[in-house]
C-alpha atoms as a PDB file:
ATOM      1  CA  UNK A   1      19.038  13.277  -5.485  1.00  0.00           C
ATOM      2  CA  UNK A   2      15.362  14.046  -5.270  1.00  0.00           C
ATOM      3  CA  UNK A   3      13.203  11.822  -3.139  1.00  0.00           C
ATOM      4  CA  UNK A   4      10.717   9.396  -4.642  1.00  0.00           C
ATOM      5  CA  UNK A   5       7.122  10.130  -3.651  1.00  0.00           C
ATOM      6  CA  UNK A   6       4.549   7.354  -3.593  1.00  0.00           C
ATOM      7  CA  UNK A   7       0.819   7.484  -3.022  1.00  0.00           C
ATOM      8  CA  UNK A   8      -1.111   4.256  -2.425  1.00  0.00           C
ATOM      9  CA  UNK A   9      -4.740   3.310  -1.975  1.00  0.00           C
ATOM     10  CA  UNK A  10      -6.881   0.207  -1.862  1.00  0.00           C
ATOM     11  CA  UNK A  11     -10.557  -0.432  -1.572  1.00  0.00           C
ATOM     12  CA  UNK A  12     -13.419  -2.877  -1.826  1.00  0.00           C
ATOM     13  CA  UNK A  13     -17.048  -2.928  -2.828  1.00  0.00           C
ATOM     14  CA  UNK A  14     -18.304  -4.843   0.180  1.00  0.00           C
ATOM     15  CA  UNK A  15     -15.814  -6.181   2.679  1.00  0.00           C
ATOM     16  CA  UNK A  16     -15.088  -8.828   1.487  1.00  0.00           C
ATOM     17  CA  UNK A  17     -15.964  -8.214  -2.106  1.00  0.00           C
ATOM     18  CA  UNK A  18     -14.433  -7.139  -5.399  1.00  0.00           C
ATOM     19  CA  UNK A  19     -11.434  -4.938  -4.717  1.00  0.00           C
ATOM     20  CA  UNK A  20      -8.878  -2.740  -6.344  1.00  0.00           C
ATOM     21  CA  UNK A  21      -5.586  -1.122  -5.518  1.00  0.00           C
ATOM     22  CA  UNK A  22      -3.654   1.710  -7.079  1.00  0.00           C
ATOM     23  CA  UNK A  23      -0.411   3.577  -6.612  1.00  0.00           C
ATOM     24  CA  UNK A  24       1.348   6.519  -8.174  1.00  0.00           C
ATOM     25  CA  UNK A  25       5.147   6.773  -8.041  1.00  0.00           C
ATOM     26  CA  UNK A  26       6.531  10.257  -8.622  1.00  0.00           C
ATOM     27  CA  UNK A  27      10.147  10.900  -9.609  1.00  0.00           C
ATOM     28  CA  UNK A  28      10.445  14.619 -10.311  1.00  0.00           C
ATOM     29  CA  UNK A  29       8.176  15.208 -13.291  1.00  0.00           C
ATOM     30  CA  UNK A  30       7.709  11.504 -14.075  1.00  0.00           C
ATOM     31  CA  UNK A  31       4.534   9.847 -12.770  1.00  0.00           C
ATOM     32  CA  UNK A  32       4.107   6.077 -12.951  1.00  0.00           C
ATOM     33  CA  UNK A  33       0.697   4.583 -12.138  1.00  0.00           C
ATOM     34  CA  UNK A  34       0.116   0.933 -11.267  1.00  0.00           C
ATOM     35  CA  UNK A  35      -3.125  -0.829 -10.392  1.00  0.00           C
ATOM     36  CA  UNK A  36      -4.773  -4.199 -10.042  1.00  0.00           C
ATOM     37  CA  UNK A  37      -7.554  -5.976  -8.257  1.00  0.00           C
ATOM     38  CA  UNK A  38      -9.099  -9.191  -7.031  1.00  0.00           C
ATOM     39  CA  UNK A  39     -12.579 -10.654  -7.392  1.00  0.00           C
ATOM     40  CA  UNK A  40     -12.974 -11.335  -3.652  1.00  0.00           C
ATOM     41  CA  UNK A  41     -10.810  -9.602  -1.110  1.00  0.00           C
ATOM     42  CA  UNK A  42     -10.873  -7.082   1.752  1.00  0.00           C
ATOM     43  CA  UNK A  43     -10.160  -3.389   1.987  1.00  0.00           C
ATOM     44  CA  UNK A  44      -7.095  -3.967   4.182  1.00  0.00           C
ATOM     45  CA  UNK A  45      -5.648  -6.543   1.771  1.00  0.00           C
ATOM     46  CA  UNK A  46      -5.991  -4.062  -1.085  1.00  0.00           C
ATOM     47  CA  UNK A  47      -4.372  -1.267   0.953  1.00  0.00           C
ATOM     48  CA  UNK A  48      -1.428  -3.558   1.726  1.00  0.00           C
ATOM     49  CA  UNK A  49      -1.189  -4.788  -1.864  1.00  0.00           C
ATOM     50  CA  UNK A  50      -0.958  -1.211  -3.146  1.00  0.00           C
ATOM     51  CA  UNK A  51       2.012  -0.533  -0.859  1.00  0.00           C
ATOM     52  CA  UNK A  52       3.662  -3.849  -1.767  1.00  0.00           C
ATOM     53  CA  UNK A  53       3.315  -3.279  -5.512  1.00  0.00           C
ATOM     54  CA  UNK A  54       4.681   0.262  -5.217  1.00  0.00           C
ATOM     55  CA  UNK A  55       7.741  -0.918  -3.275  1.00  0.00           C
ATOM     56  CA  UNK A  56       8.295  -3.787  -5.733  1.00  0.00           C
ATOM     57  CA  UNK A  57       8.397  -1.220  -8.530  1.00  0.00           C
ATOM     58  CA  UNK A  58      10.947   0.801  -6.548  1.00  0.00           C
ATOM     59  CA  UNK A  59      13.203  -2.178  -5.862  1.00  0.00           C
ATOM     60  CA  UNK A  60      13.008  -3.213  -9.529  1.00  0.00           C
ATOM     61  CA  UNK A  61      14.245   0.223 -10.633  1.00  0.00           C
ATOM     62  CA  UNK A  62      17.983   0.733 -10.011  1.00  0.00           C
ATOM     63  CA  UNK A  63      17.539   4.519 -10.161  1.00  0.00           C
ATOM     64  CA  UNK A  64      14.969   4.509  -7.348  1.00  0.00           C
ATOM     65  CA  UNK A  65      15.952   1.908  -4.793  1.00  0.00           C
ATOM     66  CA  UNK A  66      18.801   3.852  -3.159  1.00  0.00           C
ATOM     67  CA  UNK A  67      16.886   7.107  -2.762  1.00  0.00           C
ATOM     68  CA  UNK A  68      14.790   8.440   0.081  1.00  0.00           C
ATOM     69  CA  UNK A  69      11.140   7.488  -0.380  1.00  0.00           C
ATOM     70  CA  UNK A  70       8.069   9.181   1.064  1.00  0.00           C
ATOM     71  CA  UNK A  71       5.018   6.893   1.044  1.00  0.00           C
ATOM     72  CA  UNK A  72       1.619   8.529   1.510  1.00  0.00           C
ATOM     73  CA  UNK A  73      -1.282   6.283   2.482  1.00  0.00           C
ATOM     74  CA  UNK A  74      -4.779   7.091   3.670  1.00  0.00           C
ATOM     75  CA  UNK A  75      -4.694   3.832   5.644  1.00  0.00           C
ATOM     76  CA  UNK A  76      -3.710   4.114   9.312  1.00  0.00           C
ATOM     77  CA  UNK A  77      -3.726   0.296   9.266  1.00  0.00           C
ATOM     78  CA  UNK A  78      -0.860   0.223   6.763  1.00  0.00           C
ATOM     79  CA  UNK A  79       1.089   3.161   8.200  1.00  0.00           C
ATOM     80  CA  UNK A  80       0.838   2.109  11.847  1.00  0.00           C
ATOM     81  CA  UNK A  81       1.180  -1.582  11.055  1.00  0.00           C
ATOM     82  CA  UNK A  82       4.501  -1.246   9.239  1.00  0.00           C
ATOM     83  CA  UNK A  83       6.011   1.470  11.473  1.00  0.00           C
ATOM     84  CA  UNK A  84       4.786   0.355  14.916  1.00  0.00           C
ATOM     85  CA  UNK A  85       2.776  -2.830  15.322  1.00  0.00           C
ATOM     86  CA  UNK A  86       4.889  -5.179  13.184  1.00  0.00           C
ATOM     87  CA  UNK A  87       7.793  -5.166  15.654  1.00  0.00           C
ATOM     88  CA  UNK A  88       5.658  -6.758  18.367  1.00  0.00           C
ATOM     89  CA  UNK A  89       3.840  -9.040  15.940  1.00  0.00           C
ATOM     90  CA  UNK A  90       7.157 -10.559  14.856  1.00  0.00           C
ATOM     91  CA  UNK A  91       8.424 -10.740  18.436  1.00  0.00           C
ATOM     92  CA  UNK A  92       5.191 -12.490  19.487  1.00  0.00           C
ATOM     93  CA  UNK A  93       5.201 -15.067  16.685  1.00  0.00           C
ATOM     94  CA  UNK A  94       2.747 -13.127  14.501  1.00  0.00           C
ATOM     95  CA  UNK A  95       0.216 -12.775  17.286  1.00  0.00           C
ATOM     96  CA  UNK A  96      -1.577  -9.591  18.313  1.00  0.00           C
ATOM     97  CA  UNK A  97      -1.513  -8.179  21.818  1.00  0.00           C
ATOM     98  CA  UNK A  98      -4.741 -10.141  22.328  1.00  0.00           C
ATOM     99  CA  UNK A  99      -2.823 -13.340  21.363  1.00  0.00           C
ATOM    100  CA  UNK A 100      -4.804 -13.753  18.132  1.00  0.00           C
ATOM    101  CA  UNK A 101      -3.149 -14.463  14.778  1.00  0.00           C
ATOM    102  CA  UNK A 102      -2.286 -11.300  12.842  1.00  0.00           C
ATOM    103  CA  UNK A 103      -4.649 -10.865   9.914  1.00  0.00           C
ATOM    104  CA  UNK A 104      -3.018 -10.627   6.475  1.00  0.00           C
ATOM    105  CA  UNK A 105       0.281 -11.988   7.796  1.00  0.00           C
ATOM    106  CA  UNK A 106       1.303 -13.069   4.289  1.00  0.00           C
ATOM    107  CA  UNK A 107       1.082  -9.492   3.044  1.00  0.00           C
ATOM    108  CA  UNK A 108       2.742  -8.017   6.129  1.00  0.00           C
ATOM    109  CA  UNK A 109       5.696 -10.383   5.647  1.00  0.00           C
ATOM    110  CA  UNK A 110       5.998  -9.280   2.004  1.00  0.00           C
ATOM    111  CA  UNK A 111       5.726  -5.591   2.862  1.00  0.00           C
ATOM    112  CA  UNK A 112       8.282  -5.904   5.658  1.00  0.00           C
ATOM    113  CA  UNK A 113      10.786  -7.655   3.370  1.00  0.00           C
ATOM    114  CA  UNK A 114      10.473  -4.878   0.779  1.00  0.00           C
ATOM    115  CA  UNK A 115      10.481  -2.054   3.331  1.00  0.00           C
ATOM    116  CA  UNK A 116      13.447  -3.089   5.455  1.00  0.00           C
ATOM    117  CA  UNK A 117      16.310  -2.385   2.973  1.00  0.00           C
ATOM    118  CA  UNK A 118      14.800   0.901   1.761  1.00  0.00           C
ATOM    119  CA  UNK A 119      14.966   4.441   3.162  1.00  0.00           C
ATOM    120  CA  UNK A 120      11.253   5.056   3.650  1.00  0.00           C
ATOM    121  CA  UNK A 121       9.240   7.621   5.541  1.00  0.00           C
ATOM    122  CA  UNK A 122       5.568   6.658   5.936  1.00  0.00           C
ATOM    123  CA  UNK A 123       3.019   9.463   6.015  1.00  0.00           C
ATOM    124  CA  UNK A 124      -0.724   9.436   6.512  1.00  0.00           C
ATOM    125  CA  UNK A 125      -2.909  11.507   4.201  1.00  0.00           C
ATOM    126  CA  UNK A 126      -6.621  12.108   4.683  1.00  0.00           C
ATOM    127  CA  UNK A 127      -8.599  10.172   2.080  1.00  0.00           C
ATOM    128  CA  UNK A 128     -11.252  11.809  -0.110  1.00  0.00           C
ATOM    129  CA  UNK A 129      -9.975  15.256   0.815  1.00  0.00           C
ATOM    130  CA  UNK A 130      -8.965  16.522  -2.625  1.00  0.00           C
ATOM    131  CA  UNK A 131      -5.292  15.493  -2.416  1.00  0.00           C
ATOM    132  CA  UNK A 132      -4.404  15.096  -6.105  1.00  0.00           C
ATOM    133  CA  UNK A 133      -2.426  11.852  -6.033  1.00  0.00           C
ATOM    134  CA  UNK A 134      -4.584  10.225  -3.364  1.00  0.00           C
ATOM    135  CA  UNK A 135      -7.603  10.947  -5.569  1.00  0.00           C
ATOM    136  CA  UNK A 136      -5.750   9.458  -8.562  1.00  0.00           C
ATOM    137  CA  UNK A 137      -5.065   6.293  -6.563  1.00  0.00           C
ATOM    138  CA  UNK A 138      -8.696   6.090  -5.505  1.00  0.00           C
ATOM    139  CA  UNK A 139      -9.787   6.371  -9.140  1.00  0.00           C
ATOM    140  CA  UNK A 140      -7.394   3.560 -10.088  1.00  0.00           C
ATOM    141  CA  UNK A 141      -8.980   1.417  -7.348  1.00  0.00           C
ATOM    142  CA  UNK A 142     -12.498   2.199  -8.514  1.00  0.00           C
ATOM    143  CA  UNK A 143     -11.618   1.348 -12.122  1.00  0.00           C
ATOM    144  CA  UNK A 144     -10.126  -2.005 -11.077  1.00  0.00           C
ATOM    145  CA  UNK A 145     -13.130  -2.838  -8.868  1.00  0.00           C
ATOM    146  CA  UNK A 146     -15.533  -2.135 -11.714  1.00  0.00           C
ATOM    147  CA  UNK A 147     -13.812  -4.767 -13.846  1.00  0.00           C
ATOM    148  CA  UNK A 148     -15.070  -7.404 -11.377  1.00  0.00           C
ATOM    149  CA  UNK A 149     -18.437  -5.788 -10.691  1.00  0.00           C
ATOM    150  CA  UNK A 150     -19.274  -5.362 -14.369  1.00  0.00           C
ATOM    151  CA  UNK A 151     -17.708  -8.692 -15.285  1.00  0.00           C
END
């Protein structure tokens, strides 16, 4: 079976400020786009929300959830957080190495719960570099943000 490819992105106008997230899920020739936003949020929360919503869509689709998944994010925060940092955060009672509470713990817990049963490879992609699906995700974010900016 072909792997599922996912691109995610999140952003904010101001930090905090109005934000948007977007993702594109690719299954062969099928492309599914999802997006949303919040009136007052942060860039990192939107990046995490994009990944969470993409993985929710995968787990809700019986044809996708047992396949290998490649997730592309332009956020080192998301990629490194879920593949490296989260192990120590959980071990240390959701505290950073500096003994401070982990920011966005609620979203990290959600992402971890979705990620754990799936076969996922996380990959970083340079943002705003002309990568087709990353650019699509960015446009989804911008469209969602504008809904709050323009009221």
